Protein backbone atom coordinates (compact mmCIF):
# COMPACT_ATOMS: atom_id res chain seq x y z
CA MET A 1 -28.18 1.68 -0.28
CA LYS A 2 -27.79 5.46 -0.63
CA ARG A 3 -24.03 5.08 -1.10
CA ILE A 4 -24.49 2.40 -3.80
CA PHE A 5 -26.93 4.71 -5.59
CA THR A 6 -24.37 7.51 -5.28
CA ILE A 7 -21.69 5.38 -6.96
CA VAL A 8 -23.99 4.60 -9.88
CA MET A 9 -24.90 8.28 -10.28
CA ILE A 10 -21.26 9.44 -10.15
CA ILE A 11 -20.17 7.07 -12.90
CA THR A 12 -23.27 7.79 -15.00
CA LEU A 13 -22.79 11.55 -14.78
CA ALA A 14 -19.07 11.16 -15.48
CA LEU A 15 -19.57 9.25 -18.73
CA PRO A 16 -19.58 12.42 -20.86
CA LEU A 17 -16.11 13.20 -19.45
CA PHE A 18 -14.84 10.12 -21.23
CA ALA A 19 -15.58 11.59 -24.64
CA PHE A 20 -11.93 12.53 -25.21
CA ASP A 21 -12.23 11.94 -28.94
CA PHE A 22 -11.97 15.69 -29.63
CA PHE A 23 -8.28 15.46 -28.70
CA PHE A 24 -7.53 13.23 -31.67
CA ASP A 25 -8.59 12.22 -35.15
CA ALA A 26 -12.28 11.36 -35.29
CA GLU A 27 -11.53 8.18 -37.23
CA GLU A 28 -9.53 6.65 -34.39
CA THR A 29 -11.05 3.56 -32.85
CA THR A 30 -12.13 3.90 -29.23
CA SER A 31 -13.50 1.41 -26.76
CA ARG A 32 -15.55 2.02 -23.62
CA ASN A 33 -16.12 -0.37 -20.78
CA ILE A 34 -18.06 -0.15 -17.52
CA SER A 35 -17.62 -2.95 -14.99
CA LEU A 36 -19.23 -3.62 -11.65
CA THR A 37 -17.62 -5.79 -8.98
CA LEU A 38 -19.57 -6.93 -5.95
CA GLU A 39 -18.09 -8.84 -3.01
CA GLY A 40 -20.23 -9.84 -0.07
CA GLY A 41 -20.18 -12.28 2.80
CA VAL A 42 -19.71 -12.60 6.53
CA LEU A 43 -16.69 -11.84 8.68
CA ALA A 44 -16.07 -13.21 12.16
CA TYR A 45 -13.38 -12.07 14.57
CA VAL A 46 -12.00 -15.03 16.50
CA ASP A 47 -11.75 -13.01 19.71
CA ASP A 48 -15.51 -12.54 20.18
CA GLY A 49 -16.99 -14.81 17.49
CA ALA A 50 -19.53 -12.20 16.39
CA LEU A 51 -20.63 -12.42 12.76
CA ALA A 52 -20.57 -9.21 10.73
CA PRO A 53 -22.09 -9.20 7.23
CA TYR A 54 -20.39 -6.95 4.69
CA ALA A 55 -20.73 -5.89 1.05
CA ASP A 56 -18.12 -4.05 -1.02
CA LEU A 57 -18.92 -2.53 -4.38
CA THR A 58 -16.57 -1.26 -7.09
CA LEU A 59 -17.68 0.56 -10.21
CA LYS A 60 -15.08 1.19 -12.90
CA ALA A 61 -15.39 3.10 -16.17
CA GLU A 62 -12.66 3.01 -18.82
CA GLN A 63 -12.20 4.49 -22.24
CA ASP A 64 -9.30 3.55 -24.50
CA GLY A 65 -8.21 5.27 -27.67
CA ALA A 66 -5.17 4.98 -29.87
CA ASN A 67 -3.45 7.84 -28.03
CA TYR A 68 -5.11 8.01 -24.62
CA ARG A 69 -6.75 6.10 -21.77
CA ALA A 70 -9.18 7.42 -19.15
CA VAL A 71 -10.10 5.58 -15.94
CA ALA A 72 -12.61 6.26 -13.15
CA ASP A 73 -12.65 3.68 -10.34
CA ILE A 74 -14.86 4.20 -7.26
CA THR A 75 -15.31 1.79 -4.33
CA TYR A 76 -17.74 1.51 -1.44
CA ASP A 77 -16.37 -0.36 1.60
CA SER A 78 -19.15 -1.33 4.00
CA THR A 79 -16.71 -2.28 6.78
CA LEU A 80 -15.31 1.27 6.83
CA ASN A 81 -18.59 2.79 5.64
CA SER A 82 -16.59 4.77 3.09
CA LEU A 83 -17.11 5.79 -0.51
CA GLU A 84 -13.74 6.55 -2.11
CA ALA A 85 -12.18 7.02 -5.53
CA GLN A 86 -9.43 4.50 -6.21
CA GLU A 87 -8.39 6.06 -9.51
CA LEU A 88 -9.38 9.09 -11.59
CA SER A 89 -6.78 9.41 -14.30
CA LEU A 90 -6.05 10.35 -17.89
CA SER A 91 -3.07 8.91 -19.81
CA LEU A 92 -1.76 10.32 -23.08
CA PHE A 93 0.52 8.23 -25.31
CA PHE A 94 3.23 9.72 -27.52
CA GLY A 95 5.19 6.88 -29.09
CA GLN A 96 7.36 5.39 -26.34
CA THR A 97 6.28 8.07 -23.86
CA THR A 98 3.25 8.11 -21.55
CA LEU A 99 2.02 11.17 -19.67
CA LYS A 100 -0.46 10.37 -16.90
CA ALA A 101 -2.26 12.68 -14.47
CA GLY A 102 -4.85 12.25 -11.76
CA LEU A 103 -5.55 10.23 -8.64
CA MET A 104 -3.70 6.92 -8.77
CA ARG A 105 -1.25 4.46 -7.26
CA HIS A 106 2.26 4.36 -8.70
CA SER A 107 4.53 1.41 -7.95
CA TRP A 108 8.30 1.11 -7.70
CA GLY A 109 10.16 -2.07 -6.82
CA THR A 110 11.04 -5.51 -8.18
CA ALA A 111 9.91 -7.96 -5.48
CA ASP A 112 6.50 -9.67 -5.38
CA THR A 113 5.61 -10.02 -1.69
CA ALA A 114 6.92 -6.75 -0.19
CA HIS A 115 8.86 -3.61 -1.12
CA VAL A 116 11.17 -1.09 0.53
CA VAL A 117 11.45 1.35 -2.40
CA ASP A 118 7.73 1.63 -3.21
CA ILE A 119 7.46 5.04 -1.54
CA VAL A 120 5.33 7.22 -3.83
CA ASN A 121 2.01 6.40 -2.13
CA GLY A 122 1.16 6.27 1.55
CA ARG A 123 -0.16 3.21 3.31
CA ASP A 124 -3.75 2.16 3.98
CA LEU A 125 -3.92 -0.11 7.02
CA ARG A 126 -7.50 0.54 8.09
CA ASN A 127 -8.36 -3.10 7.34
CA GLY A 128 -5.08 -4.48 8.63
CA ILE A 129 -2.90 -6.59 6.36
CA VAL A 130 -4.62 -7.86 3.21
CA ASP A 131 -3.45 -10.15 0.41
CA ASP A 132 -3.06 -7.40 -2.20
CA LEU A 133 -0.15 -4.96 -1.87
CA GLU A 134 -1.88 -2.36 -4.05
CA LEU A 135 -4.93 -2.25 -1.78
CA MET A 136 -2.63 -1.41 1.14
CA LYS A 137 -1.58 1.81 -0.62
CA ARG A 138 -3.56 5.06 -0.56
CA PRO A 139 -4.18 6.69 -3.97
CA ASP A 140 -2.66 10.12 -4.44
CA TRP A 141 -2.85 13.01 -6.89
CA MET A 142 0.19 13.12 -9.14
CA LEU A 143 1.66 13.64 -12.58
CA THR A 144 3.87 10.92 -14.08
CA LEU A 145 5.96 10.72 -17.22
CA SER A 146 7.31 7.36 -18.41
CA THR A 147 9.46 6.80 -21.46
CA TYR A 148 11.37 3.80 -22.87
CA PHE A 149 14.68 3.60 -24.65
CA GLU A 150 16.48 0.71 -26.31
CA ASN A 151 17.99 -0.60 -23.07
CA GLY A 152 16.42 1.62 -20.45
CA ALA A 153 13.35 3.36 -19.09
CA LEU A 154 12.84 6.68 -17.28
CA ASP A 155 10.00 7.29 -14.84
CA LEU A 156 9.30 10.79 -13.41
CA VAL A 157 6.78 11.59 -10.65
CA VAL A 158 5.55 14.94 -9.29
CA LYS A 159 2.98 15.29 -6.47
CA PRO A 160 1.66 18.78 -5.58
CA GLY A 161 1.00 17.95 -1.94
CA PHE A 162 0.31 14.46 -0.64
CA ASN A 163 -2.27 12.18 0.95
CA PRO A 164 -1.00 10.92 4.34
CA SER A 165 -1.24 7.25 5.20
CA ASN A 166 -4.65 5.98 6.21
CA ILE A 167 -3.90 4.59 9.65
CA SER A 168 -6.20 4.27 12.63
CA MET A 169 -5.59 6.04 15.94
CA ASP A 170 -8.25 3.97 17.69
CA GLY A 171 -10.39 0.90 17.13
CA LYS A 172 -9.35 -2.63 16.15
CA TYR A 173 -6.57 -1.59 13.80
CA SER A 174 -5.11 1.25 15.82
CA MET A 175 -1.38 1.65 15.20
CA ILE A 176 -0.92 3.15 18.67
CA PRO A 177 -1.56 1.40 22.01
CA SER A 178 -4.60 3.00 23.65
CA SER A 179 -2.61 3.74 26.83
CA LEU A 180 -0.41 6.25 25.00
CA ILE A 181 -3.18 8.53 23.71
CA PRO A 182 -6.14 8.85 26.10
CA ALA A 183 -9.61 8.59 24.59
CA GLY A 184 -11.05 11.95 23.60
CA THR A 185 -7.68 13.64 23.07
CA PRO A 186 -8.00 16.17 20.19
CA ILE A 187 -5.82 15.25 17.21
CA ASN A 188 -4.90 18.18 14.94
CA LYS A 189 -4.10 17.37 11.32
CA PRO A 190 -2.14 19.77 9.09
CA ASP A 191 -3.07 20.65 5.52
CA THR A 192 -0.81 18.49 3.34
CA HIS A 193 -2.48 19.40 0.03
CA ASN A 194 -0.58 22.51 -0.94
CA ILE A 195 2.29 23.40 -3.21
CA LYS A 196 4.82 23.78 -0.39
CA ASN A 197 4.43 20.05 0.27
CA THR A 198 5.37 19.10 -3.28
CA SER A 199 7.16 15.76 -3.72
CA ALA A 200 9.08 14.65 -6.79
CA GLY A 201 11.34 11.82 -7.90
CA ALA A 202 12.73 9.75 -10.71
CA ARG A 203 13.62 6.15 -11.44
CA TYR A 204 15.91 5.06 -14.26
CA ARG A 205 15.95 1.37 -15.19
CA PHE A 206 18.78 -0.33 -17.06
CA LEU A 207 17.20 -3.21 -19.00
CA PHE A 208 19.68 -5.90 -20.00
CA ASP A 209 17.81 -9.20 -20.24
CA PRO A 210 17.74 -11.07 -17.86
CA VAL A 211 18.86 -8.24 -15.52
CA ASP A 212 16.78 -5.20 -14.55
CA ILE A 213 18.55 -2.50 -12.49
CA GLY A 214 16.65 0.56 -11.26
CA VAL A 215 18.22 3.65 -9.67
CA ILE A 216 15.85 5.88 -7.65
CA TYR A 217 15.90 9.40 -6.24
CA TYR A 218 12.91 10.91 -4.44
CA THR A 219 12.30 13.89 -2.22
CA GLY A 220 9.09 14.05 -0.27
CA TYR A 221 7.46 13.26 3.06
CA PHE A 222 7.03 10.20 5.22
CA HIS A 223 3.35 9.46 4.81
CA ASP A 224 3.07 8.21 8.42
CA PRO A 225 2.74 11.05 10.96
CA GLY A 226 4.92 12.10 13.84
CA PHE A 227 3.39 13.50 17.02
CA SER A 228 3.91 16.48 19.30
CA THR A 229 1.82 17.90 22.11
CA SER A 230 0.28 21.33 22.47
CA LEU A 231 -2.43 22.99 24.53
CA ALA A 232 -4.84 22.10 21.73
CA GLY A 233 -4.08 18.37 21.96
CA ILE A 234 -1.83 16.25 19.75
CA ASP A 235 -0.42 17.76 16.57
CA LEU A 236 0.44 15.52 13.61
CA LEU A 237 3.71 16.31 11.81
CA TYR A 238 5.22 14.90 8.62
CA THR A 239 8.94 14.43 8.11
CA ARG A 240 10.68 15.71 4.99
CA TYR A 241 13.35 13.42 3.53
CA HIS A 242 15.52 12.61 0.51
CA PHE A 243 15.69 9.01 -0.66
CA LEU A 244 18.34 7.23 -2.73
CA GLY A 245 17.54 3.67 -3.70
CA LEU A 246 18.27 0.70 -5.90
CA ALA A 247 15.93 -2.04 -7.13
CA THR A 248 17.21 -4.95 -9.19
CA SER A 249 15.96 -8.29 -10.43
CA TYR A 250 17.64 -11.23 -12.11
CA PHE A 251 15.41 -13.64 -14.01
CA LEU A 252 16.66 -17.15 -14.62
CA GLU A 253 13.58 -19.18 -15.50
CA PRO A 254 11.82 -20.40 -13.42
CA PHE A 255 13.55 -18.42 -10.62
CA THR A 256 13.66 -14.68 -9.98
CA LEU A 257 16.02 -12.97 -7.55
CA ALA A 258 14.99 -9.46 -6.48
CA VAL A 259 17.03 -7.07 -4.35
CA GLU A 260 15.92 -3.64 -3.13
CA GLY A 261 17.64 -1.16 -0.85
CA GLY A 262 17.95 2.49 -0.06
CA MET A 263 18.65 5.28 2.37
CA PHE A 264 16.19 7.83 3.78
CA PHE A 265 17.96 11.11 4.67
CA SER A 266 15.68 12.83 7.18
CA GLU A 267 15.38 16.60 7.71
CA ASP A 268 16.14 15.79 11.37
CA THR A 269 19.79 15.16 10.57
CA ASP A 270 20.97 14.88 14.18
CA GLY A 271 18.00 12.79 15.35
CA THR A 272 17.10 15.08 18.25
CA ASP A 273 13.52 15.99 17.29
CA LEU A 274 11.40 13.19 18.74
CA SER A 275 8.40 14.20 16.63
CA LEU A 276 10.27 13.57 13.35
CA TYR A 277 11.53 10.30 11.90
CA ASN A 278 15.29 9.74 11.83
CA SER A 279 17.36 8.76 8.83
CA LYS A 280 17.31 5.03 8.13
CA ALA A 281 18.58 2.34 5.79
CA VAL A 282 16.18 -0.21 4.27
CA TYR A 283 16.99 -3.45 2.46
CA LEU A 284 15.23 -6.46 0.97
CA ALA A 285 16.02 -9.70 -0.84
CA GLU A 286 13.52 -12.12 -2.37
CA LEU A 287 13.82 -15.42 -4.21
CA SER A 288 10.73 -16.62 -6.06
CA TYR A 289 9.85 -19.63 -8.19
CA THR A 290 7.06 -19.99 -10.77
CA ASN A 291 6.29 -23.37 -12.31
CA PRO A 292 5.69 -22.75 -16.03
CA ASN A 293 3.48 -25.84 -16.31
CA ASN A 294 0.89 -25.22 -13.58
CA ALA A 295 1.55 -21.62 -12.40
CA PHE A 296 2.52 -22.75 -8.89
CA PHE A 297 4.25 -19.82 -7.19
CA VAL A 298 6.39 -19.62 -4.06
CA ALA A 299 8.52 -16.75 -2.72
CA LEU A 300 10.77 -16.25 0.28
CA ASN A 301 11.37 -12.64 1.25
CA TYR A 302 13.67 -10.98 3.79
CA GLN A 303 13.09 -7.33 4.67
CA GLY A 304 14.99 -5.20 7.16
CA GLN A 305 15.84 -1.69 8.25
CA TYR A 306 18.19 0.17 10.57
CA ILE A 307 17.35 3.54 12.16
CA PHE A 308 20.29 5.85 12.82
CA LYS A 309 20.65 7.78 16.12
CA PHE A 310 17.76 5.78 17.56
CA ASN A 311 16.40 7.01 20.91
CA SER A 312 15.48 4.07 23.14
CA GLU A 313 13.46 6.24 25.56
CA PRO A 314 9.79 6.04 24.53
CA VAL A 315 8.36 8.89 26.66
CA LEU A 316 9.66 12.37 27.43
CA PRO A 317 7.43 13.76 30.20
CA LEU A 318 8.44 17.41 29.84
CA PRO A 319 5.65 19.98 29.33
CA GLY A 320 5.30 20.98 25.70
CA ALA A 321 7.71 18.29 24.48
CA PRO A 322 6.77 15.49 22.09
CA ILE A 323 5.04 12.73 24.02
CA LEU A 324 6.69 9.99 22.00
CA ASP A 325 9.75 9.32 19.96
CA VAL A 326 8.06 8.35 16.69
CA ASP A 327 10.89 6.02 15.76
CA TYR A 328 10.42 4.17 19.04
CA LEU A 329 6.69 4.06 18.47
CA ALA A 330 7.16 2.55 15.00
CA SER A 331 9.77 0.06 16.16
CA PHE A 332 9.38 -3.57 17.12
CA ASN A 333 10.22 -4.19 20.78
CA GLY A 334 12.08 -0.88 21.01
CA LYS A 335 14.91 -1.84 18.65
CA ALA A 336 16.66 0.37 16.09
CA TYR A 337 16.61 -2.51 13.62
CA GLN A 338 13.99 -4.77 12.08
CA ASN A 339 14.23 -8.22 10.53
CA ASN A 340 11.14 -9.61 8.81
CA PHE A 341 10.74 -12.90 6.94
CA THR A 342 7.84 -13.67 4.59
CA LEU A 343 6.91 -16.91 2.85
CA ALA A 344 4.12 -16.87 0.25
CA MET A 345 2.68 -19.63 -1.93
CA GLU A 346 -0.11 -20.00 -4.46
CA TYR A 347 -1.21 -23.28 -6.02
CA PRO A 348 -3.94 -23.62 -8.67
CA PHE A 349 -6.02 -26.80 -8.92
CA MET A 350 -8.68 -28.12 -11.29
CA GLN A 351 -7.42 -26.23 -14.36
CA GLU A 352 -7.01 -23.10 -12.21
CA LYS A 353 -10.66 -23.03 -11.11
CA LEU A 354 -9.57 -23.59 -7.50
CA LYS A 355 -6.71 -21.55 -6.03
CA ALA A 356 -5.10 -22.00 -2.64
CA ARG A 357 -2.98 -19.17 -1.25
CA VAL A 358 -1.04 -18.89 1.98
CA ALA A 359 1.40 -16.28 3.25
CA GLY A 360 3.09 -15.76 6.57
CA THR A 361 5.29 -13.02 8.02
CA PHE A 362 7.53 -13.45 11.06
CA GLN A 363 8.93 -10.40 12.85
CA LEU A 364 12.13 -11.37 14.65
CA GLU A 365 12.51 -8.59 17.26
CA SER A 366 8.94 -8.81 18.59
CA LEU A 367 8.51 -12.53 17.81
CA GLY A 368 5.25 -11.46 16.18
CA TYR A 369 3.59 -13.02 13.17
CA ALA A 370 0.77 -12.62 10.67
CA VAL A 371 -0.56 -15.56 8.65
CA MET A 372 -3.07 -15.33 5.80
CA GLY A 373 -4.75 -18.14 3.90
CA SER A 374 -7.46 -18.35 1.27
CA LEU A 375 -9.33 -20.80 -0.94
CA THR A 376 -11.06 -19.42 -4.04
CA TYR A 377 -13.26 -21.40 -6.43
CA ASP A 378 -14.50 -20.02 -9.77
CA LEU A 379 -18.10 -21.05 -10.35
CA ASP A 380 -17.82 -19.50 -13.82
CA ASP A 381 -15.97 -16.62 -15.49
CA ALA A 382 -17.93 -14.03 -13.49
CA VAL A 383 -18.61 -15.59 -10.08
CA GLU A 384 -16.34 -16.98 -7.38
CA VAL A 385 -16.78 -18.17 -3.81
CA PHE A 386 -14.01 -17.90 -1.24
CA ALA A 387 -12.91 -18.56 2.31
CA LYS A 388 -10.18 -16.46 3.91
CA THR A 389 -8.49 -16.24 7.27
CA THR A 390 -5.97 -13.90 8.88
CA VAL A 391 -4.19 -14.65 12.15
CA TYR A 392 -2.11 -12.15 14.15
CA GLY A 393 -0.08 -13.05 17.22
CA THR A 394 3.21 -13.21 19.03
CA PHE A 395 5.34 -15.89 20.64
CA ASP A 396 6.19 -13.53 23.52
CA GLU A 397 3.42 -11.48 25.10
CA ASP A 398 5.94 -9.22 26.86
CA ARG A 399 7.43 -7.89 23.62
CA THR A 400 5.92 -4.92 21.81
CA GLY A 401 5.05 -4.75 18.14
CA LEU A 402 2.23 -4.30 15.68
CA TYR A 403 1.24 -7.96 15.52
CA ASN A 404 1.01 -8.08 19.30
CA THR A 405 -1.18 -4.94 19.23
CA TRP A 406 -3.44 -6.59 16.63
CA LYS A 407 -3.52 -10.06 18.20
CA LYS A 408 -7.28 -9.83 18.89
CA ASN A 409 -8.01 -9.10 15.21
CA SER A 410 -7.63 -12.66 13.89
CA GLN A 411 -10.58 -13.33 11.61
CA VAL A 412 -12.38 -15.75 9.30
CA GLN A 413 -14.19 -14.57 6.18
CA LEU A 414 -16.65 -16.37 3.87
CA GLY A 415 -18.07 -14.74 0.77
CA VAL A 416 -18.84 -14.53 -2.90
CA GLY A 417 -17.52 -12.21 -5.58
CA ALA A 418 -19.19 -11.33 -8.88
CA TRP A 419 -18.25 -9.27 -11.94
CA PHE A 420 -20.72 -7.62 -14.30
């Protein structure tokens, strides 16, 4: 209750900050909106069957003017017991150009179900895999500049420091098998919020209907950590890299073909530092279909990667050496390559009051899988009830991979959502 009260107080006290009218002509029309979203229900993990009630609250304040937009979005997650800002941003509009600064998520890519070039933000996997790609990204402080031309668009991003990925080292959604890091081992995190950790990049899109071609360059850090040992415990390290990428889409109603690909050039050019990630190639292709009559959607996505100079030895038991090759740790079944297949569908019923969604991912090297399904029914414009399920598993218990690590996290969720 104290955290909910805190959210209300933060937004209330922040309202004067939305009086940006002094930037512009007093006669300009402005609009203000404050919305409250509440989602509550029960969650049961299939492994133990225990019921866990939960309640998530989001409070969002927005102000729009002719030449600016300000957003404050704060969420309380009862499962994580965390109160976090999802966005605190100010956008200024100058004709075809938008300047935006603050805490936000910034997306690159053309596919719908997954991306390989959406690299500006780190990941947030504290709740596992969820059915919203944006919620699986951690907001970060940045400055962006976007401008449009007759047949093109330029997008610039600068981040003075960075927020690392939100990943768990222990608990249900640990990314690391418990046998590799003993309980109680000190984990030392570096300061990533300083000017020496600045990241920057640009994307230029060629817009020739029905083709969209985007060329990307970015220099920054892998948001997932590497590991090395010291007398003080385990030290987290972040790998510097340069990225060159391409993201295209071809729209031929009602089909869309999206292709993404790129190359990460790691600072560990020879691949000998086991605490840093190696250079790798990433690639993706997706074919989607949207029925213009009833909004039925289906997409088939292939995503892969290949790690160069991959070290197949997972442990190096020399004193003072890295305890793990981070590329091996992040791999599926100890392979330098990955091949993932995703199928996603959404079908609306009853004049779109009832929506059925299902998505499944199969990981070839580990024979692992994750399947999500949901039914949502709108009681009215502001209230919905839903049932969701997520299943993790593998067809081969002897193979290693994330879905095998998370196989006891399959869950069923029942709840209600409301907007005010």
